[in-house]
Amino acid sequence: MSFTEPISITIGGVTTSLPRTSVTGDASEYTSSDGGLRLLADHSLTGGKRHRRIIRLDATKVSADPFRPVENVQNSMSVYTVFDVPSAGFTPADELATYVGFTTLLAASSNAMIVKLLGGES
């Protein structure tokens, strides 16, 4: 089963539509028309005992090469969340509660932990 599409994402005040562009097994990809954003949702069974569920956003942009400023280069980054759960022992409600606690921690005080993490703190 796939997400409702197109998926809309807003980054820096700009909303981008991501229609589904690929379905392979238990994975779906959603890509912007310019290819600058790609969302991947994937489910896999690892070692026959654990389920790995990933949602990942890849972003690319062109910017000046810091070593040759007159030339442009393509740069990319990714942000993703992985759920690595045993086949039994945690219900979807348990998994959701853990995720909500985690994201609440990260988003608290205007994303203070993420700001610090991106600044190199641990």
C-alpha atoms as a PDB file:
ATOM      1  CA  MET A   1       0.000   0.000   0.000  1.00  0.00           C
ATOM      2  CA  SER A   2       1.340   3.413  -0.945  1.00  0.00           C
ATOM      3  CA  PHE A   3       0.931   6.874   0.537  1.00  0.00           C
ATOM      4  CA  THR A   4      -1.713   9.212  -0.856  1.00  0.00           C
ATOM      5  CA  GLU A   5      -0.137  11.218  -3.615  1.00  0.00           C
ATOM      6  CA  PRO A   6       1.125  13.597  -4.598  1.00  0.00           C
ATOM      7  CA  ILE A   7       2.957  14.287  -1.356  1.00  0.00           C
ATOM      8  CA  SER A   8       3.495  17.981  -0.624  1.00  0.00           C
ATOM      9  CA  ILE A   9       6.535  19.122   1.325  1.00  0.00           C
ATOM     10  CA  THR A  10       7.394  22.662   2.371  1.00  0.00           C
ATOM     11  CA  ILE A  11      11.070  23.549   2.770  1.00  0.00           C
ATOM     12  CA  GLY A  12      12.115  27.116   3.510  1.00  0.00           C
ATOM     13  CA  GLY A  13       8.615  28.373   2.733  1.00  0.00           C
ATOM     14  CA  VAL A  14       8.515  26.713  -0.700  1.00  0.00           C
ATOM     15  CA  THR A  15       5.963  23.921  -1.189  1.00  0.00           C
ATOM     16  CA  THR A  16       6.922  21.186  -3.648  1.00  0.00           C
ATOM     17  CA  SER A  17       4.738  18.407  -5.021  1.00  0.00           C
ATOM     18  CA  LEU A  18       6.208  14.898  -5.035  1.00  0.00           C
ATOM     19  CA  PRO A  19       4.232  12.461  -7.202  1.00  0.00           C
ATOM     20  CA  ARG A  20       5.000   8.739  -6.961  1.00  0.00           C
ATOM     21  CA  THR A  21       7.637   7.877  -9.565  1.00  0.00           C
ATOM     22  CA  SER A  22       8.555   4.309  -8.647  1.00  0.00           C
ATOM     23  CA  VAL A  23       7.206   1.271  -6.826  1.00  0.00           C
ATOM     24  CA  THR A  24       9.503  -1.713  -6.309  1.00  0.00           C
ATOM     25  CA  GLY A  25       8.489  -4.477  -3.918  1.00  0.00           C
ATOM     26  CA  ASP A  26       7.826  -2.801  -0.574  1.00  0.00           C
ATOM     27  CA  ALA A  27       9.416   0.530  -1.545  1.00  0.00           C
ATOM     28  CA  SER A  28       7.957   3.651  -3.142  1.00  0.00           C
ATOM     29  CA  GLU A  29       9.727   6.767  -4.408  1.00  0.00           C
ATOM     30  CA  TYR A  30       8.231  10.217  -4.834  1.00  0.00           C
ATOM     31  CA  THR A  31      10.194  12.767  -6.867  1.00  0.00           C
ATOM     32  CA  SER A  32       9.829  16.478  -7.628  1.00  0.00           C
ATOM     33  CA  SER A  33       9.508  17.507 -11.264  1.00  0.00           C
ATOM     34  CA  ASP A  34      13.044  18.940 -11.286  1.00  0.00           C
ATOM     35  CA  GLY A  35      14.538  15.930  -9.492  1.00  0.00           C
ATOM     36  CA  GLY A  36      15.784  18.107  -6.642  1.00  0.00           C
ATOM     37  CA  LEU A  37      13.760  16.290  -3.977  1.00  0.00           C
ATOM     38  CA  ARG A  38      13.145  12.572  -3.576  1.00  0.00           C
ATOM     39  CA  LEU A  39      11.192  10.851  -0.808  1.00  0.00           C
ATOM     40  CA  LEU A  40      11.710   7.119  -0.292  1.00  0.00           C
ATOM     41  CA  ALA A  41       9.574   4.855   1.892  1.00  0.00           C
ATOM     42  CA  ASP A  42      10.934   1.320   2.240  1.00  0.00           C
ATOM     43  CA  HIS A  43      10.107  -1.758   4.302  1.00  0.00           C
ATOM     44  CA  SER A  44      12.402  -4.745   4.654  1.00  0.00           C
ATOM     45  CA  LEU A  45      12.882  -7.798   6.824  1.00  0.00           C
ATOM     46  CA  THR A  46      16.432  -8.098   8.180  1.00  0.00           C
ATOM     47  CA  GLY A  47      17.770 -11.430   9.308  1.00  0.00           C
ATOM     48  CA  GLY A  48      14.243 -12.798   9.321  1.00  0.00           C
ATOM     49  CA  LYS A  49      13.658 -11.367  12.789  1.00  0.00           C
ATOM     50  CA  ARG A  50      13.506  -7.586  12.508  1.00  0.00           C
ATOM     51  CA  HIS A  51      11.501  -5.178  10.409  1.00  0.00           C
ATOM     52  CA  ARG A  52      13.247  -2.082   9.114  1.00  0.00           C
ATOM     53  CA  ARG A  53      11.031   0.765   7.976  1.00  0.00           C
ATOM     54  CA  ILE A  54      12.720   3.801   6.466  1.00  0.00           C
ATOM     55  CA  ILE A  55      11.443   7.156   5.298  1.00  0.00           C
ATOM     56  CA  ARG A  56      14.145   9.259   3.670  1.00  0.00           C
ATOM     57  CA  LEU A  57      14.263  12.644   1.986  1.00  0.00           C
ATOM     58  CA  ASP A  58      17.115  13.392  -0.431  1.00  0.00           C
ATOM     59  CA  ALA A  59      17.684  16.979  -1.548  1.00  0.00           C
ATOM     60  CA  THR A  60      20.059  18.226  -4.234  1.00  0.00           C
ATOM     61  CA  LYS A  61      21.043  21.714  -5.273  1.00  0.00           C
ATOM     62  CA  VAL A  62      23.609  23.400  -7.455  1.00  0.00           C
ATOM     63  CA  SER A  63      26.003  25.861  -5.847  1.00  0.00           C
ATOM     64  CA  ALA A  64      29.367  27.450  -6.493  1.00  0.00           C
ATOM     65  CA  ASP A  65      32.376  25.151  -6.093  1.00  0.00           C
ATOM     66  CA  PRO A  66      34.266  26.492  -3.045  1.00  0.00           C
ATOM     67  CA  PHE A  67      37.602  25.713  -4.741  1.00  0.00           C
ATOM     68  CA  ARG A  68      36.619  27.092  -8.165  1.00  0.00           C
ATOM     69  CA  PRO A  69      33.893  29.701  -7.531  1.00  0.00           C
ATOM     70  CA  VAL A  70      33.293  30.265 -11.235  1.00  0.00           C
ATOM     71  CA  GLU A  71      32.141  26.638 -11.567  1.00  0.00           C
ATOM     72  CA  ASN A  72      28.963  25.153 -10.154  1.00  0.00           C
ATOM     73  CA  VAL A  73      28.668  21.701  -8.604  1.00  0.00           C
ATOM     74  CA  GLN A  74      25.735  19.577  -7.555  1.00  0.00           C
ATOM     75  CA  ASN A  75      25.475  18.936  -3.810  1.00  0.00           C
ATOM     76  CA  SER A  76      23.153  16.581  -1.969  1.00  0.00           C
ATOM     77  CA  MET A  77      21.958  15.863   1.538  1.00  0.00           C
ATOM     78  CA  SER A  78      19.626  13.341   3.141  1.00  0.00           C
ATOM     79  CA  VAL A  79      17.418  13.250   6.212  1.00  0.00           C
ATOM     80  CA  TYR A  80      15.866   9.984   7.288  1.00  0.00           C
ATOM     81  CA  THR A  81      14.122   8.132  10.058  1.00  0.00           C
ATOM     82  CA  VAL A  82      14.568   4.395  10.563  1.00  0.00           C
ATOM     83  CA  PHE A  83      12.331   2.152  12.619  1.00  0.00           C
ATOM     84  CA  ASP A  84      14.178  -1.070  13.469  1.00  0.00           C
ATOM     85  CA  VAL A  85      11.727  -3.275  15.339  1.00  0.00           C
ATOM     86  CA  PRO A  86      11.529  -6.940  16.279  1.00  0.00           C
ATOM     87  CA  SER A  87       8.926  -9.136  14.626  1.00  0.00           C
ATOM     88  CA  ALA A  88       7.084  -9.376  17.956  1.00  0.00           C
ATOM     89  CA  GLY A  89       7.037  -7.502  21.255  1.00  0.00           C
ATOM     90  CA  PHE A  90       6.132  -3.971  20.169  1.00  0.00           C
ATOM     91  CA  THR A  91       2.718  -3.046  18.828  1.00  0.00           C
ATOM     92  CA  PRO A  92       2.278  -0.333  16.207  1.00  0.00           C
ATOM     93  CA  ALA A  93       0.902   1.820  19.062  1.00  0.00           C
ATOM     94  CA  ASP A  94       4.128   1.234  21.065  1.00  0.00           C
ATOM     95  CA  GLU A  95       6.210   2.154  18.031  1.00  0.00           C
ATOM     96  CA  LEU A  96       4.167   5.296  17.413  1.00  0.00           C
ATOM     97  CA  ALA A  97       4.395   6.374  21.063  1.00  0.00           C
ATOM     98  CA  THR A  98       8.184   5.975  20.987  1.00  0.00           C
ATOM     99  CA  TYR A  99       8.395   7.947  17.748  1.00  0.00           C
ATOM    100  CA  VAL A 100       6.186  10.751  19.105  1.00  0.00           C
ATOM    101  CA  GLY A 101       8.352  10.994  22.231  1.00  0.00           C
ATOM    102  CA  PHE A 102      11.489  11.135  20.105  1.00  0.00           C
ATOM    103  CA  THR A 103      10.215  13.774  17.681  1.00  0.00           C
ATOM    104  CA  THR A 104       8.787  15.833  20.548  1.00  0.00           C
ATOM    105  CA  LEU A 105      12.226  15.826  22.177  1.00  0.00           C
ATOM    106  CA  LEU A 106      13.882  16.923  18.930  1.00  0.00           C
ATOM    107  CA  ALA A 107      11.326  19.651  18.160  1.00  0.00           C
ATOM    108  CA  ALA A 108      11.220  21.150  21.673  1.00  0.00           C
ATOM    109  CA  SER A 109      12.319  24.755  22.158  1.00  0.00           C
ATOM    110  CA  SER A 110      12.356  25.587  18.432  1.00  0.00           C
ATOM    111  CA  ASN A 111      14.313  22.464  17.462  1.00  0.00           C
ATOM    112  CA  ALA A 112      17.100  23.302  19.926  1.00  0.00           C
ATOM    113  CA  MET A 113      18.574  19.767  19.942  1.00  0.00           C
ATOM    114  CA  ILE A 114      18.696  19.655  16.145  1.00  0.00           C
ATOM    115  CA  VAL A 115      20.293  23.107  15.991  1.00  0.00           C
ATOM    116  CA  LYS A 116      22.951  21.911  18.422  1.00  0.00           C
ATOM    117  CA  LEU A 117      23.433  18.626  16.557  1.00  0.00           C
ATOM    118  CA  LEU A 118      23.879  20.470  13.247  1.00  0.00           C
ATOM    119  CA  GLY A 119      26.413  22.685  15.034  1.00  0.00           C
ATOM    120  CA  GLY A 120      28.482  19.629  15.985  1.00  0.00           C
ATOM    121  CA  GLU A 121      27.341  19.137  19.581  1.00  0.00           C
ATOM    122  CA  SER A 122      26.644  15.747  21.087  1.00  0.00           C
END
